[in-house]
Amino acid sequence: MDSLLIIGLIVGVIFLFFIFWFFSTWNRLVSLEENVNQSWANIDVLLKQRYDMLPNLEEIVKGYAKHEKDLFMEFAKARQAAAGALQNKDVKGVSAAESMMSGMMPRITAVAEAYPELKTDGNFLNIQNELVSLENQVADRREMYNQTTTSFNKQIQMIPVTFVASMKGCQRRDLFEVHGVEREAVKLSFT
């Protein structure tokens, strides 16, 4: 009878250890997932600010370069796609739209270079400075988001955590990658 009691205690301790491990793993996954959500929310705020500023930049440049309609139509479509993807929390869609917009910025720079009076316009310079500041903040926040997302993605794939993650419904998150920006800095300087 003593051996049954000892076996029962061992099984009970193992069961309690398993319960403790399960709940601590669940809570760690919740924490990691919320860190990813918060990191994305930080990017969301900055991108919304930037998307709200871009039409102002576009209008100022349009005033000087009326014959560049096609460029501005493309830019408006890219901005609209980015805003739509951002609203739907589609990280891949935002990444694609940001890549498209970053490819267009040098073209807008070239248009501005063709109009010296534009380079001295106070509103244009103000928006330019604000956009540069937002670009730097977005780059920093993108790095933070990708770090927290990578940590989350690693955890949900590790054994035995993957079993708890699948019970919780955790799914791999996309990284926020803007192609072309890392290799080629977006130039917003028109001076």
N, C-alpha and C. Protein backbone atom coordinates (compact mmCIF):
# COMPACT_ATOMS: atom_id res chain seq x y z
N MET A 1 0.81 -1.19 0.00
CA MET A 1 0.00 0.00 0.00
C MET A 1 0.86 1.26 0.00
N ASP A 2 1.98 1.19 0.67
CA ASP A 2 2.89 2.33 0.67
C ASP A 2 3.40 2.63 -0.73
N SER A 3 3.65 1.59 -1.52
CA SER A 3 4.15 1.80 -2.89
C SER A 3 3.08 2.47 -3.76
N LEU A 4 1.80 2.15 -3.55
CA LEU A 4 0.72 2.82 -4.29
C LEU A 4 0.64 4.29 -3.92
N LEU A 5 0.83 4.59 -2.66
CA LEU A 5 0.82 5.98 -2.22
C LEU A 5 1.98 6.76 -2.83
N ILE A 6 3.14 6.15 -2.86
CA ILE A 6 4.32 6.81 -3.44
C ILE A 6 4.11 7.02 -4.94
N ILE A 7 3.59 6.02 -5.64
CA ILE A 7 3.32 6.15 -7.08
C ILE A 7 2.26 7.23 -7.31
N GLY A 8 1.25 7.25 -6.46
CA GLY A 8 0.21 8.28 -6.57
C GLY A 8 0.78 9.69 -6.37
N LEU A 9 1.67 9.84 -5.39
CA LEU A 9 2.31 11.14 -5.15
C LEU A 9 3.18 11.54 -6.34
N ILE A 10 3.92 10.61 -6.88
CA ILE A 10 4.79 10.90 -8.03
C ILE A 10 3.94 11.32 -9.23
N VAL A 11 2.88 10.56 -9.49
CA VAL A 11 1.98 10.91 -10.60
C VAL A 11 1.35 12.27 -10.36
N GLY A 12 0.94 12.55 -9.11
CA GLY A 12 0.35 13.84 -8.77
C GLY A 12 1.32 14.99 -8.98
N VAL A 13 2.57 14.80 -8.57
CA VAL A 13 3.59 15.83 -8.75
C VAL A 13 3.85 16.06 -10.23
N ILE A 14 3.95 14.97 -10.98
CA ILE A 14 4.17 15.10 -12.43
C ILE A 14 3.00 15.82 -13.08
N PHE A 15 1.78 15.47 -12.66
CA PHE A 15 0.59 16.12 -13.20
C PHE A 15 0.59 17.61 -12.86
N LEU A 16 0.89 17.97 -11.62
CA LEU A 16 0.95 19.37 -11.21
C LEU A 16 2.04 20.12 -11.98
N PHE A 17 3.19 19.46 -12.17
CA PHE A 17 4.27 20.08 -12.95
C PHE A 17 3.79 20.34 -14.38
N PHE A 18 3.11 19.36 -14.97
CA PHE A 18 2.60 19.52 -16.34
C PHE A 18 1.59 20.67 -16.41
N ILE A 19 0.68 20.76 -15.45
CA ILE A 19 -0.32 21.83 -15.43
C ILE A 19 0.38 23.19 -15.31
N PHE A 20 1.35 23.27 -14.40
CA PHE A 20 2.10 24.52 -14.23
C PHE A 20 2.81 24.89 -15.53
N TRP A 21 3.50 23.92 -16.15
CA TRP A 21 4.20 24.17 -17.41
C TRP A 21 3.22 24.62 -18.49
N PHE A 22 2.08 23.96 -18.59
CA PHE A 22 1.09 24.28 -19.62
C PHE A 22 0.62 25.73 -19.49
N PHE A 23 0.24 26.12 -18.27
CA PHE A 23 -0.27 27.48 -18.08
C PHE A 23 0.83 28.53 -18.24
N SER A 24 2.03 28.24 -17.79
CA SER A 24 3.11 29.22 -17.97
C SER A 24 3.47 29.35 -19.45
N THR A 25 3.43 28.25 -20.19
CA THR A 25 3.68 28.31 -21.63
C THR A 25 2.58 29.08 -22.34
N TRP A 26 1.35 28.82 -21.98
CA TRP A 26 0.19 29.54 -22.57
C TRP A 26 0.34 31.04 -22.33
N ASN A 27 0.65 31.41 -21.09
CA ASN A 27 0.80 32.82 -20.75
C ASN A 27 1.97 33.47 -21.47
N ARG A 28 3.06 32.74 -21.65
CA ARG A 28 4.20 33.26 -22.39
C ARG A 28 3.82 33.51 -23.85
N LEU A 29 3.05 32.61 -24.43
CA LEU A 29 2.59 32.80 -25.81
C LEU A 29 1.65 34.00 -25.92
N VAL A 30 0.78 34.18 -24.94
CA VAL A 30 -0.11 35.34 -24.93
C VAL A 30 0.73 36.62 -24.89
N SER A 31 1.73 36.64 -24.04
CA SER A 31 2.59 37.81 -23.91
C SER A 31 3.33 38.10 -25.22
N LEU A 32 3.90 37.08 -25.83
CA LEU A 32 4.61 37.27 -27.10
C LEU A 32 3.67 37.75 -28.20
N GLU A 33 2.48 37.19 -28.24
CA GLU A 33 1.51 37.58 -29.26
C GLU A 33 1.07 39.03 -29.08
N GLU A 34 0.89 39.44 -27.84
CA GLU A 34 0.50 40.82 -27.56
C GLU A 34 1.64 41.79 -27.88
N ASN A 35 2.88 41.35 -27.69
CA ASN A 35 4.02 42.19 -28.08
C ASN A 35 4.02 42.41 -29.60
N VAL A 36 3.71 41.38 -30.36
CA VAL A 36 3.63 41.51 -31.81
C VAL A 36 2.51 42.47 -32.18
N ASN A 37 1.35 42.30 -31.55
CA ASN A 37 0.21 43.19 -31.83
C ASN A 37 0.53 44.64 -31.50
N GLN A 38 1.18 44.86 -30.37
CA GLN A 38 1.54 46.23 -29.98
C GLN A 38 2.56 46.82 -30.95
N SER A 39 3.53 46.03 -31.36
CA SER A 39 4.53 46.51 -32.32
C SER A 39 3.88 46.91 -33.64
N TRP A 40 2.91 46.11 -34.08
CA TRP A 40 2.22 46.46 -35.32
C TRP A 40 1.36 47.71 -35.15
N ALA A 41 0.74 47.85 -33.99
CA ALA A 41 -0.08 49.04 -33.73
C ALA A 41 0.79 50.30 -33.76
N ASN A 42 2.02 50.22 -33.28
CA ASN A 42 2.94 51.35 -33.34
C ASN A 42 3.26 51.73 -34.78
N ILE A 43 3.46 50.74 -35.63
CA ILE A 43 3.71 51.00 -37.05
C ILE A 43 2.46 51.57 -37.70
N ASP A 44 1.32 51.02 -37.35
CA ASP A 44 0.04 51.45 -37.90
C ASP A 44 -0.17 52.96 -37.71
N VAL A 45 0.12 53.45 -36.51
CA VAL A 45 -0.06 54.87 -36.21
C VAL A 45 0.82 55.73 -37.12
N LEU A 46 2.08 55.35 -37.24
CA LEU A 46 3.01 56.13 -38.06
C LEU A 46 2.64 56.09 -39.54
N LEU A 47 2.27 54.91 -40.02
CA LEU A 47 1.92 54.82 -41.44
C LEU A 47 0.66 55.61 -41.75
N LYS A 48 -0.31 55.60 -40.85
CA LYS A 48 -1.51 56.41 -41.06
C LYS A 48 -1.15 57.90 -41.14
N GLN A 49 -0.26 58.34 -40.26
CA GLN A 49 0.18 59.73 -40.30
C GLN A 49 0.83 60.03 -41.65
N ARG A 50 1.68 59.13 -42.08
CA ARG A 50 2.38 59.35 -43.35
C ARG A 50 1.41 59.34 -44.52
N TYR A 51 0.49 58.40 -44.53
CA TYR A 51 -0.47 58.34 -45.63
C TYR A 51 -1.36 59.58 -45.66
N ASP A 52 -1.60 60.16 -44.49
CA ASP A 52 -2.37 61.40 -44.45
C ASP A 52 -1.56 62.59 -44.97
N MET A 53 -0.25 62.55 -44.82
CA MET A 53 0.60 63.64 -45.28
C MET A 53 0.90 63.57 -46.78
N LEU A 54 0.94 62.39 -47.32
CA LEU A 54 1.33 62.22 -48.72
C LEU A 54 0.44 62.98 -49.70
N PRO A 55 -0.88 63.04 -49.50
CA PRO A 55 -1.68 63.83 -50.44
C PRO A 55 -1.29 65.31 -50.44
N ASN A 56 -0.87 65.83 -49.29
CA ASN A 56 -0.43 67.22 -49.23
C ASN A 56 0.82 67.43 -50.07
N LEU A 57 1.77 66.50 -49.94
CA LEU A 57 2.98 66.57 -50.75
C LEU A 57 2.62 66.48 -52.23
N GLU A 58 1.74 65.55 -52.53
CA GLU A 58 1.31 65.35 -53.92
C GLU A 58 0.68 66.61 -54.49
N GLU A 59 -0.18 67.28 -53.71
CA GLU A 59 -0.85 68.49 -54.19
C GLU A 59 0.14 69.62 -54.44
N ILE A 60 1.11 69.75 -53.55
CA ILE A 60 2.11 70.81 -53.73
C ILE A 60 2.92 70.56 -55.00
N VAL A 61 3.38 69.33 -55.18
CA VAL A 61 4.18 69.01 -56.36
C VAL A 61 3.32 69.13 -57.62
N LYS A 62 2.05 68.70 -57.54
CA LYS A 62 1.14 68.81 -58.67
C LYS A 62 1.00 70.25 -59.15
N GLY A 63 0.96 71.18 -58.18
CA GLY A 63 0.82 72.58 -58.53
C GLY A 63 1.96 73.08 -59.40
N TYR A 64 3.13 72.51 -59.23
CA TYR A 64 4.28 72.91 -60.03
C TYR A 64 4.45 72.06 -61.28
N ALA A 65 4.04 70.82 -61.22
CA ALA A 65 4.30 69.87 -62.31
C ALA A 65 2.98 69.30 -62.81
N LYS A 66 2.21 70.12 -63.47
CA LYS A 66 0.88 69.70 -63.92
C LYS A 66 0.92 68.60 -64.99
N HIS A 67 2.01 68.52 -65.73
CA HIS A 67 2.08 67.54 -66.82
C HIS A 67 2.51 66.14 -66.34
N GLU A 68 2.68 65.94 -65.06
CA GLU A 68 3.10 64.64 -64.52
C GLU A 68 1.91 63.85 -63.98
N LYS A 69 0.77 63.91 -64.66
CA LYS A 69 -0.47 63.27 -64.18
C LYS A 69 -0.32 61.78 -63.93
N ASP A 70 0.34 61.07 -64.85
CA ASP A 70 0.47 59.62 -64.72
C ASP A 70 1.19 59.23 -63.44
N LEU A 71 2.24 59.95 -63.14
CA LEU A 71 3.00 59.67 -61.92
C LEU A 71 2.11 59.83 -60.69
N PHE A 72 1.33 60.89 -60.65
CA PHE A 72 0.49 61.15 -59.49
C PHE A 72 -0.67 60.15 -59.40
N MET A 73 -1.14 59.69 -60.53
CA MET A 73 -2.19 58.66 -60.52
C MET A 73 -1.63 57.36 -59.93
N GLU A 74 -0.43 56.98 -60.36
CA GLU A 74 0.22 55.78 -59.83
C GLU A 74 0.47 55.93 -58.33
N PHE A 75 0.93 57.11 -57.93
CA PHE A 75 1.23 57.37 -56.53
C PHE A 75 -0.04 57.28 -55.69
N ALA A 76 -1.13 57.83 -56.19
CA ALA A 76 -2.41 57.77 -55.47
C ALA A 76 -2.89 56.33 -55.33
N LYS A 77 -2.73 55.53 -56.38
CA LYS A 77 -3.13 54.12 -56.32
C LYS A 77 -2.29 53.36 -55.29
N ALA A 78 -0.98 53.63 -55.30
CA ALA A 78 -0.10 52.96 -54.34
C ALA A 78 -0.46 53.34 -52.91
N ARG A 79 -0.72 54.62 -52.69
CA ARG A 79 -1.10 55.09 -51.35
C ARG A 79 -2.42 54.45 -50.91
N GLN A 80 -3.37 54.37 -51.84
CA GLN A 80 -4.67 53.78 -51.53
C GLN A 80 -4.52 52.29 -51.20
N ALA A 81 -3.69 51.59 -51.97
CA ALA A 81 -3.45 50.16 -51.70
C ALA A 81 -2.81 49.98 -50.34
N ALA A 82 -1.86 50.84 -50.01
CA ALA A 82 -1.18 50.75 -48.72
C ALA A 82 -2.17 51.01 -47.58
N ALA A 83 -2.98 52.03 -47.72
CA ALA A 83 -3.96 52.35 -46.67
C ALA A 83 -4.97 51.23 -46.50
N GLY A 84 -5.42 50.63 -47.61
CA GLY A 84 -6.37 49.52 -47.53
C GLY A 84 -5.77 48.30 -46.85
N ALA A 85 -4.52 47.98 -47.20
CA ALA A 85 -3.84 46.84 -46.57
C ALA A 85 -3.61 47.10 -45.08
N LEU A 86 -3.28 48.34 -44.76
CA LEU A 86 -3.05 48.70 -43.36
C LEU A 86 -4.34 48.55 -42.56
N GLN A 87 -5.44 48.99 -43.15
CA GLN A 87 -6.74 48.89 -42.46
C GLN A 87 -7.12 47.43 -42.23
N ASN A 88 -6.77 46.55 -43.16
CA ASN A 88 -7.08 45.13 -43.04
C ASN A 88 -6.04 44.36 -42.24
N LYS A 89 -5.03 45.07 -41.72
CA LYS A 89 -3.94 44.45 -40.96
C LYS A 89 -3.24 43.36 -41.76
N ASP A 90 -3.10 43.62 -43.05
CA ASP A 90 -2.43 42.70 -43.97
C ASP A 90 -0.97 43.11 -44.09
N VAL A 91 -0.11 42.48 -43.30
CA VAL A 91 1.30 42.86 -43.26
C VAL A 91 1.95 42.69 -44.63
N LYS A 92 1.66 41.59 -45.32
CA LYS A 92 2.24 41.38 -46.65
C LYS A 92 1.75 42.44 -47.63
N GLY A 93 0.48 42.80 -47.56
CA GLY A 93 -0.06 43.83 -48.44
C GLY A 93 0.57 45.19 -48.18
N VAL A 94 0.76 45.52 -46.91
CA VAL A 94 1.41 46.79 -46.56
C VAL A 94 2.85 46.77 -47.06
N SER A 95 3.53 45.63 -46.88
CA SER A 95 4.91 45.51 -47.35
C SER A 95 5.00 45.73 -48.86
N ALA A 96 4.10 45.11 -49.60
CA ALA A 96 4.10 45.26 -51.06
C ALA A 96 3.81 46.71 -51.46
N ALA A 97 2.83 47.33 -50.83
CA ALA A 97 2.48 48.71 -51.17
C ALA A 97 3.61 49.66 -50.78
N GLU A 98 4.24 49.42 -49.64
CA GLU A 98 5.36 50.26 -49.23
C GLU A 98 6.53 50.12 -50.21
N SER A 99 6.76 48.91 -50.69
CA SER A 99 7.81 48.71 -51.70
C SER A 99 7.50 49.50 -52.96
N MET A 100 6.23 49.46 -53.38
CA MET A 100 5.82 50.18 -54.58
C MET A 100 6.00 51.68 -54.37
N MET A 101 5.58 52.18 -53.21
CA MET A 101 5.70 53.61 -52.94
C MET A 101 7.16 54.04 -52.83
N SER A 102 8.00 53.20 -52.24
CA SER A 102 9.41 53.57 -52.12
C SER A 102 10.07 53.63 -53.49
N GLY A 103 9.58 52.84 -54.43
CA GLY A 103 10.10 52.91 -55.79
C GLY A 103 9.66 54.17 -56.51
N MET A 104 8.56 54.75 -56.08
CA MET A 104 8.03 55.96 -56.73
C MET A 104 8.66 57.24 -56.18
N MET A 105 9.16 57.19 -54.96
CA MET A 105 9.71 58.39 -54.35
C MET A 105 10.86 59.00 -55.16
N PRO A 106 11.78 58.21 -55.72
CA PRO A 106 12.82 58.82 -56.54
C PRO A 106 12.25 59.53 -57.77
N ARG A 107 11.16 59.03 -58.31
CA ARG A 107 10.52 59.69 -59.45
C ARG A 107 9.94 61.03 -59.04
N ILE A 108 9.34 61.08 -57.86
CA ILE A 108 8.81 62.36 -57.37
C ILE A 108 9.96 63.32 -57.08
N THR A 109 11.06 62.79 -56.57
CA THR A 109 12.25 63.61 -56.34
C THR A 109 12.73 64.21 -57.65
N ALA A 110 12.73 63.40 -58.70
CA ALA A 110 13.18 63.89 -60.00
C ALA A 110 12.27 65.01 -60.51
N VAL A 111 10.97 64.86 -60.29
CA VAL A 111 10.03 65.92 -60.70
C VAL A 111 10.33 67.20 -59.93
N ALA A 112 10.55 67.05 -58.61
CA ALA A 112 10.83 68.23 -57.79
C ALA A 112 12.14 68.89 -58.21
N GLU A 113 13.11 68.10 -58.58
CA GLU A 113 14.40 68.65 -59.02
C GLU A 113 14.24 69.51 -60.27
N ALA A 114 13.25 69.20 -61.08
CA ALA A 114 13.03 69.94 -62.32
C ALA A 114 12.40 71.31 -62.07
N TYR A 115 11.93 71.55 -60.84
CA TYR A 115 11.25 72.81 -60.52
C TYR A 115 11.94 73.47 -59.33
N PRO A 116 12.91 74.36 -59.59
CA PRO A 116 13.66 74.98 -58.50
C PRO A 116 12.78 75.75 -57.51
N GLU A 117 11.69 76.35 -58.00
CA GLU A 117 10.83 77.10 -57.08
C GLU A 117 10.13 76.16 -56.09
N LEU A 118 9.94 74.91 -56.47
CA LEU A 118 9.33 73.93 -55.58
C LEU A 118 10.26 73.63 -54.40
N LYS A 119 11.55 73.58 -54.69
CA LYS A 119 12.52 73.27 -53.65
C LYS A 119 12.58 74.33 -52.56
N THR A 120 12.08 75.52 -52.84
CA THR A 120 12.11 76.59 -51.84
C THR A 120 10.73 76.85 -51.22
N ASP A 121 9.70 76.12 -51.65
CA ASP A 121 8.36 76.29 -51.12
C ASP A 121 8.34 75.86 -49.65
N GLY A 122 7.90 76.74 -48.75
CA GLY A 122 7.89 76.47 -47.31
C GLY A 122 7.04 75.27 -46.93
N ASN A 123 5.86 75.16 -47.50
CA ASN A 123 4.98 74.02 -47.19
C ASN A 123 5.64 72.72 -47.64
N PHE A 124 6.23 72.75 -48.81
CA PHE A 124 6.88 71.57 -49.34
C PHE A 124 8.04 71.15 -48.42
N LEU A 125 8.86 72.10 -48.02
CA LEU A 125 10.00 71.79 -47.14
C LEU A 125 9.53 71.25 -45.79
N ASN A 126 8.44 71.82 -45.26
CA ASN A 126 7.90 71.36 -43.99
C ASN A 126 7.42 69.90 -44.09
N ILE A 127 6.66 69.62 -45.14
CA ILE A 127 6.17 68.25 -45.33
C ILE A 127 7.34 67.29 -45.55
N GLN A 128 8.32 67.75 -46.32
CA GLN A 128 9.51 66.93 -46.59
C GLN A 128 10.19 66.56 -45.27
N ASN A 129 10.39 67.53 -44.39
CA ASN A 129 11.05 67.26 -43.11
C ASN A 129 10.23 66.31 -42.24
N GLU A 130 8.93 66.50 -42.21
CA GLU A 130 8.07 65.61 -41.43
C GLU A 130 8.09 64.19 -41.98
N LEU A 131 8.10 64.06 -43.31
CA LEU A 131 8.15 62.73 -43.92
C LEU A 131 9.47 62.03 -43.61
N VAL A 132 10.57 62.75 -43.64
CA VAL A 132 11.87 62.16 -43.30
C VAL A 132 11.84 61.64 -41.86
N SER A 133 11.29 62.45 -40.96
CA SER A 133 11.18 62.03 -39.56
C SER A 133 10.31 60.78 -39.43
N LEU A 134 9.18 60.77 -40.11
CA LEU A 134 8.29 59.59 -40.06
C LEU A 134 8.97 58.37 -40.66
N GLU A 135 9.72 58.54 -41.75
CA GLU A 135 10.42 57.41 -42.36
C GLU A 135 11.39 56.78 -41.38
N ASN A 136 12.12 57.60 -40.64
CA ASN A 136 13.06 57.09 -39.64
C ASN A 136 12.33 56.35 -38.53
N GLN A 137 11.22 56.89 -38.07
CA GLN A 137 10.45 56.23 -37.03
C GLN A 137 9.86 54.91 -37.51
N VAL A 138 9.36 54.89 -38.74
CA VAL A 138 8.80 53.65 -39.29
C VAL A 138 9.89 52.59 -39.39
N ALA A 139 11.08 52.98 -39.82
CA ALA A 139 12.19 52.02 -39.92
C ALA A 139 12.51 51.43 -38.55
N ASP A 140 12.55 52.28 -37.52
CA ASP A 140 12.82 51.78 -36.16
C ASP A 140 11.72 50.84 -35.69
N ARG A 141 10.48 51.24 -35.90
CA ARG A 141 9.34 50.41 -35.46
C ARG A 141 9.26 49.12 -36.26
N ARG A 142 9.63 49.17 -37.54
CA ARG A 142 9.63 47.95 -38.35
C ARG A 142 10.64 46.95 -37.80
N GLU A 143 11.79 47.46 -37.39
CA GLU A 143 12.80 46.59 -36.80
C GLU A 143 12.28 45.94 -35.52
N MET A 144 11.61 46.74 -34.67
CA MET A 144 11.06 46.21 -33.42
C MET A 144 9.97 45.18 -33.71
N TYR A 145 9.10 45.48 -34.65
CA TYR A 145 8.03 44.54 -35.02
C TYR A 145 8.64 43.23 -35.51
N ASN A 146 9.63 43.30 -36.37
CA ASN A 146 10.24 42.09 -36.91
C ASN A 146 10.94 41.28 -35.82
N GLN A 147 11.52 41.96 -34.83
CA GLN A 147 12.15 41.24 -33.71
C GLN A 147 11.09 40.50 -32.88
N THR A 148 10.02 41.19 -32.53
CA THR A 148 8.99 40.54 -31.70
C THR A 148 8.29 39.43 -32.49
N THR A 149 8.09 39.65 -33.78
CA THR A 149 7.45 38.62 -34.61
C THR A 149 8.34 37.40 -34.74
N THR A 150 9.64 37.62 -34.91
CA THR A 150 10.57 36.50 -35.02
C THR A 150 10.59 35.70 -33.73
N SER A 151 10.60 36.38 -32.59
CA SER A 151 10.57 35.67 -31.29
C SER A 151 9.30 34.83 -31.16
N PHE A 152 8.18 35.41 -31.54
CA PHE A 152 6.90 34.69 -31.48
C PHE A 152 6.94 33.48 -32.42
N ASN A 153 7.38 33.70 -33.66
CA ASN A 153 7.42 32.61 -34.65
C ASN A 153 8.33 31.47 -34.20
N LYS A 154 9.45 31.81 -33.58
CA LYS A 154 10.37 30.78 -33.08
C LYS A 154 9.69 29.95 -31.99
N GLN A 155 9.07 30.65 -31.04
CA GLN A 155 8.46 29.95 -29.91
C GLN A 155 7.37 28.98 -30.34
N ILE A 156 6.53 29.39 -31.27
CA ILE A 156 5.41 28.51 -31.63
C ILE A 156 5.85 27.30 -32.45
N GLN A 157 7.10 27.28 -32.87
CA GLN A 157 7.60 26.14 -33.63
C GLN A 157 8.44 25.18 -32.79
N MET A 158 8.79 25.61 -31.57
CA MET A 158 9.66 24.78 -30.74
C MET A 158 8.86 23.71 -30.01
N ILE A 159 9.45 22.53 -29.94
CA ILE A 159 8.84 21.42 -29.20
C ILE A 159 9.26 21.57 -27.76
N PRO A 160 8.41 21.43 -26.81
CA PRO A 160 7.02 21.03 -26.79
C PRO A 160 6.03 22.21 -26.85
N VAL A 161 6.54 23.44 -26.96
CA VAL A 161 5.67 24.62 -26.96
C VAL A 161 4.70 24.57 -28.14
N THR A 162 5.12 23.97 -29.24
CA THR A 162 4.27 23.92 -30.44
C THR A 162 2.93 23.25 -30.16
N PHE A 163 2.89 22.31 -29.21
CA PHE A 163 1.62 21.64 -28.88
C PHE A 163 0.65 22.61 -28.20
N VAL A 164 1.18 23.41 -27.31
CA VAL A 164 0.34 24.41 -26.63
C VAL A 164 -0.07 25.48 -27.65
N ALA A 165 0.87 25.88 -28.50
CA ALA A 165 0.59 26.90 -29.52
C ALA A 165 -0.51 26.45 -30.47
N SER A 166 -0.49 25.19 -30.86
CA SER A 166 -1.54 24.71 -31.76
C SER A 166 -2.88 24.64 -31.03
N MET A 167 -2.89 24.29 -29.75
CA MET A 167 -4.14 24.29 -28.97
C MET A 167 -4.69 25.71 -28.84
N LYS A 168 -3.78 26.67 -28.71
CA LYS A 168 -4.17 28.08 -28.56
C LYS A 168 -4.56 28.69 -29.89
N GLY A 169 -4.17 28.06 -30.99
CA GLY A 169 -4.50 28.59 -32.32
C GLY A 169 -3.49 29.59 -32.85
N CYS A 170 -2.29 29.56 -32.30
CA CYS A 170 -1.24 30.49 -32.76
C CYS A 170 -0.83 30.15 -34.18
N GLN A 171 -0.68 31.17 -34.98
CA GLN A 171 -0.21 31.00 -36.35
C GLN A 171 0.97 31.90 -36.59
N ARG A 172 1.82 31.44 -37.45
CA ARG A 172 3.01 32.20 -37.83
C ARG A 172 2.61 33.58 -38.35
N ARG A 173 3.34 34.61 -37.95
CA ARG A 173 3.09 35.98 -38.39
C ARG A 173 4.09 36.37 -39.47
N ASP A 174 3.64 37.23 -40.37
CA ASP A 174 4.51 37.73 -41.44
C ASP A 174 5.40 38.84 -40.92
N LEU A 175 6.62 38.88 -41.45
CA LEU A 175 7.52 39.99 -41.15
C LEU A 175 7.15 41.16 -42.05
N PHE A 176 7.48 42.36 -41.61
CA PHE A 176 7.22 43.57 -42.37
C PHE A 176 8.49 43.91 -43.14
N GLU A 177 8.52 43.47 -44.38
CA GLU A 177 9.69 43.67 -45.24
C GLU A 177 9.32 44.61 -46.37
N VAL A 178 10.10 45.67 -46.52
CA VAL A 178 9.90 46.60 -47.61
C VAL A 178 11.09 46.44 -48.53
N HIS A 179 10.85 45.81 -49.67
CA HIS A 179 11.93 45.51 -50.60
C HIS A 179 12.38 46.76 -51.33
N GLY A 180 13.68 46.90 -51.40
CA GLY A 180 14.26 48.05 -52.09
C GLY A 180 14.65 49.15 -51.14
N VAL A 181 13.96 49.28 -50.02
CA VAL A 181 14.26 50.36 -49.08
C VAL A 181 15.56 50.08 -48.35
N GLU A 182 15.79 48.83 -47.95
CA GLU A 182 17.00 48.52 -47.20
C GLU A 182 18.24 48.69 -48.08
N ARG A 183 18.13 48.36 -49.34
CA ARG A 183 19.26 48.45 -50.24
C ARG A 183 19.48 49.85 -50.77
N GLU A 184 18.42 50.59 -50.88
CA GLU A 184 18.49 51.91 -51.49
C GLU A 184 17.64 52.86 -50.65
N ALA A 185 18.30 53.78 -49.97
CA ALA A 185 17.57 54.70 -49.09
C ALA A 185 16.64 55.60 -49.91
N VAL A 186 15.44 55.80 -49.35
CA VAL A 186 14.49 56.69 -50.01
C VAL A 186 14.97 58.12 -49.78
N LYS A 187 15.21 58.83 -50.85
CA LYS A 187 15.68 60.21 -50.77
C LYS A 187 14.51 61.14 -50.82
N LEU A 188 14.35 61.94 -49.78
CA LEU A 188 13.28 62.93 -49.78
C LEU A 188 13.86 64.34 -49.76
N SER A 189 15.13 64.46 -49.91
CA SER A 189 15.76 65.76 -49.89
C SER A 189 15.72 66.37 -51.28
N PHE A 190 15.22 67.57 -51.36
CA PHE A 190 15.09 68.25 -52.65
C PHE A 190 15.96 69.50 -52.71
N THR A 191 16.90 69.59 -51.81
CA THR A 191 17.79 70.77 -51.79
C THR A 191 19.13 70.47 -52.36
